N, C-alpha and C. Protein backbone atom coordinates (compact mmCIF):
# COMPACT_ATOMS: atom_id res chain seq x y z
N MET A 1 70.04 26.43 120.69
CA MET A 1 70.24 25.05 120.34
C MET A 1 69.28 24.22 121.19
N SER A 2 68.77 23.15 120.63
CA SER A 2 67.82 22.31 121.35
C SER A 2 68.56 21.38 122.32
N TRP A 3 67.79 20.72 123.17
CA TRP A 3 68.40 19.81 124.14
C TRP A 3 69.07 18.64 123.44
N ALA A 4 68.55 18.20 122.31
CA ALA A 4 69.17 17.10 121.57
C ALA A 4 70.53 17.52 120.99
N GLY A 5 70.61 18.76 120.57
CA GLY A 5 71.89 19.28 120.07
C GLY A 5 72.94 19.36 121.16
N TRP A 6 72.51 19.85 122.33
CA TRP A 6 73.44 19.91 123.47
C TRP A 6 73.89 18.51 123.88
N LEU A 7 72.97 17.56 123.89
CA LEU A 7 73.31 16.20 124.28
C LEU A 7 74.29 15.57 123.29
N THR A 8 74.05 15.79 122.01
CA THR A 8 74.95 15.27 120.98
C THR A 8 76.34 15.91 121.09
N MET A 9 76.37 17.22 121.29
CA MET A 9 77.65 17.91 121.41
C MET A 9 78.42 17.45 122.64
N LEU A 10 77.73 17.32 123.77
CA LEU A 10 78.40 16.86 124.99
C LEU A 10 78.90 15.43 124.85
N ALA A 11 78.14 14.58 124.19
CA ALA A 11 78.58 13.20 123.97
C ALA A 11 79.82 13.15 123.08
N ALA A 12 79.83 13.96 122.02
CA ALA A 12 80.97 13.96 121.11
C ALA A 12 82.22 14.52 121.77
N VAL A 13 82.09 15.65 122.44
CA VAL A 13 83.24 16.27 123.10
C VAL A 13 83.71 15.40 124.26
N GLY A 14 82.78 14.85 125.02
CA GLY A 14 83.16 13.98 126.13
C GLY A 14 83.83 12.70 125.66
N GLY A 15 83.33 12.11 124.58
CA GLY A 15 83.93 10.90 124.04
C GLY A 15 85.34 11.13 123.52
N ALA A 16 85.52 12.23 122.79
CA ALA A 16 86.85 12.55 122.26
C ALA A 16 87.83 12.85 123.39
N THR A 17 87.37 13.55 124.42
CA THR A 17 88.23 13.85 125.57
C THR A 17 88.59 12.59 126.33
N ALA A 18 87.63 11.70 126.50
CA ALA A 18 87.89 10.43 127.19
C ALA A 18 88.87 9.57 126.40
N LEU A 19 88.72 9.51 125.09
CA LEU A 19 89.64 8.74 124.26
C LEU A 19 91.05 9.32 124.32
N PHE A 20 91.17 10.64 124.28
CA PHE A 20 92.47 11.29 124.38
C PHE A 20 93.12 11.01 125.72
N ALA A 21 92.35 11.10 126.80
CA ALA A 21 92.89 10.84 128.14
C ALA A 21 93.32 9.39 128.28
N TRP A 22 92.53 8.47 127.72
CA TRP A 22 92.89 7.05 127.80
C TRP A 22 94.18 6.78 127.03
N CYS A 23 94.33 7.39 125.86
CA CYS A 23 95.56 7.21 125.06
C CYS A 23 96.77 7.77 125.80
N LEU A 24 96.64 8.94 126.40
CA LEU A 24 97.74 9.49 127.18
C LEU A 24 98.10 8.59 128.34
N TRP A 25 97.10 8.11 129.08
CA TRP A 25 97.35 7.23 130.22
C TRP A 25 98.04 5.95 129.75
N LYS A 26 97.60 5.38 128.64
CA LYS A 26 98.17 4.13 128.14
C LYS A 26 99.63 4.33 127.75
N VAL A 27 99.94 5.42 127.09
CA VAL A 27 101.31 5.67 126.64
C VAL A 27 102.22 5.98 127.83
N LEU A 28 101.75 6.80 128.76
CA LEU A 28 102.62 7.24 129.86
C LEU A 28 102.73 6.22 130.99
N SER A 29 101.82 5.26 131.07
CA SER A 29 101.87 4.31 132.18
C SER A 29 102.52 2.99 131.82
N THR A 30 102.93 2.79 130.58
CA THR A 30 103.55 1.54 130.17
C THR A 30 104.99 1.52 130.67
N PRO A 31 105.34 0.54 131.53
CA PRO A 31 106.71 0.50 132.05
C PRO A 31 107.70 0.03 130.98
N GLN A 32 108.86 0.60 130.97
CA GLN A 32 109.97 0.26 130.08
C GLN A 32 109.57 0.24 128.61
N ALA A 33 108.68 1.13 128.21
CA ALA A 33 108.24 1.16 126.82
C ALA A 33 109.37 1.61 125.89
N THR A 34 110.27 2.45 126.39
CA THR A 34 111.34 2.95 125.53
C THR A 34 112.36 1.87 125.19
N GLU A 35 112.43 0.80 125.95
CA GLU A 35 113.37 -0.27 125.64
C GLU A 35 112.92 -1.08 124.42
N ARG A 36 111.65 -1.04 124.09
CA ARG A 36 111.15 -1.79 122.95
C ARG A 36 111.05 -0.95 121.69
N LEU A 37 111.36 0.35 121.77
CA LEU A 37 111.29 1.21 120.60
C LEU A 37 112.57 1.07 119.78
N HIS A 38 112.42 1.02 118.49
CA HIS A 38 113.57 0.92 117.60
C HIS A 38 113.47 2.01 116.56
N GLY A 39 114.60 2.58 116.23
CA GLY A 39 114.65 3.62 115.22
C GLY A 39 115.53 3.18 114.07
N VAL A 40 115.76 4.08 113.15
CA VAL A 40 116.55 3.77 111.97
C VAL A 40 117.98 3.38 112.34
N PRO A 41 118.65 4.04 113.29
CA PRO A 41 120.02 3.63 113.62
C PRO A 41 120.10 2.24 114.26
N ASP A 42 119.01 1.71 114.80
CA ASP A 42 119.03 0.41 115.46
C ASP A 42 118.85 -0.75 114.50
N THR A 43 118.50 -0.50 113.25
CA THR A 43 118.22 -1.58 112.30
C THR A 43 119.33 -1.69 111.29
N GLU A 44 119.48 -2.88 110.74
CA GLU A 44 120.47 -3.12 109.72
C GLU A 44 119.79 -3.71 108.49
N PRO A 45 120.25 -3.35 107.31
CA PRO A 45 119.69 -4.00 106.12
C PRO A 45 120.05 -5.49 106.10
N ARG A 46 119.21 -6.31 105.49
CA ARG A 46 119.42 -7.76 105.48
C ARG A 46 120.75 -8.16 104.82
N ASP A 47 121.16 -7.45 103.78
CA ASP A 47 122.38 -7.85 103.10
C ASP A 47 123.66 -7.47 103.84
N GLN A 48 123.58 -6.69 104.91
CA GLN A 48 124.77 -6.32 105.68
C GLN A 48 124.89 -7.10 106.98
N ARG A 49 123.95 -7.96 107.29
CA ARG A 49 124.03 -8.75 108.51
C ARG A 49 125.08 -9.83 108.39
N GLU A 50 125.68 -10.15 109.50
CA GLU A 50 126.66 -11.23 109.51
C GLU A 50 125.92 -12.56 109.58
N GLY A 51 126.45 -13.54 108.93
CA GLY A 51 125.85 -14.86 109.08
C GLY A 51 125.42 -15.39 107.83
């Protein structure tokens, strides 16, 4: 493989690895993120709400 091929491959693999690491850091370092998550049991249909 030529030097341009190696450079392209290293840039692609390095970029993907850096993006993955940044996403992991962002998700794992957010304080109290689970308090803002809502699932199906936490929601109510509009026609069943009181008021």
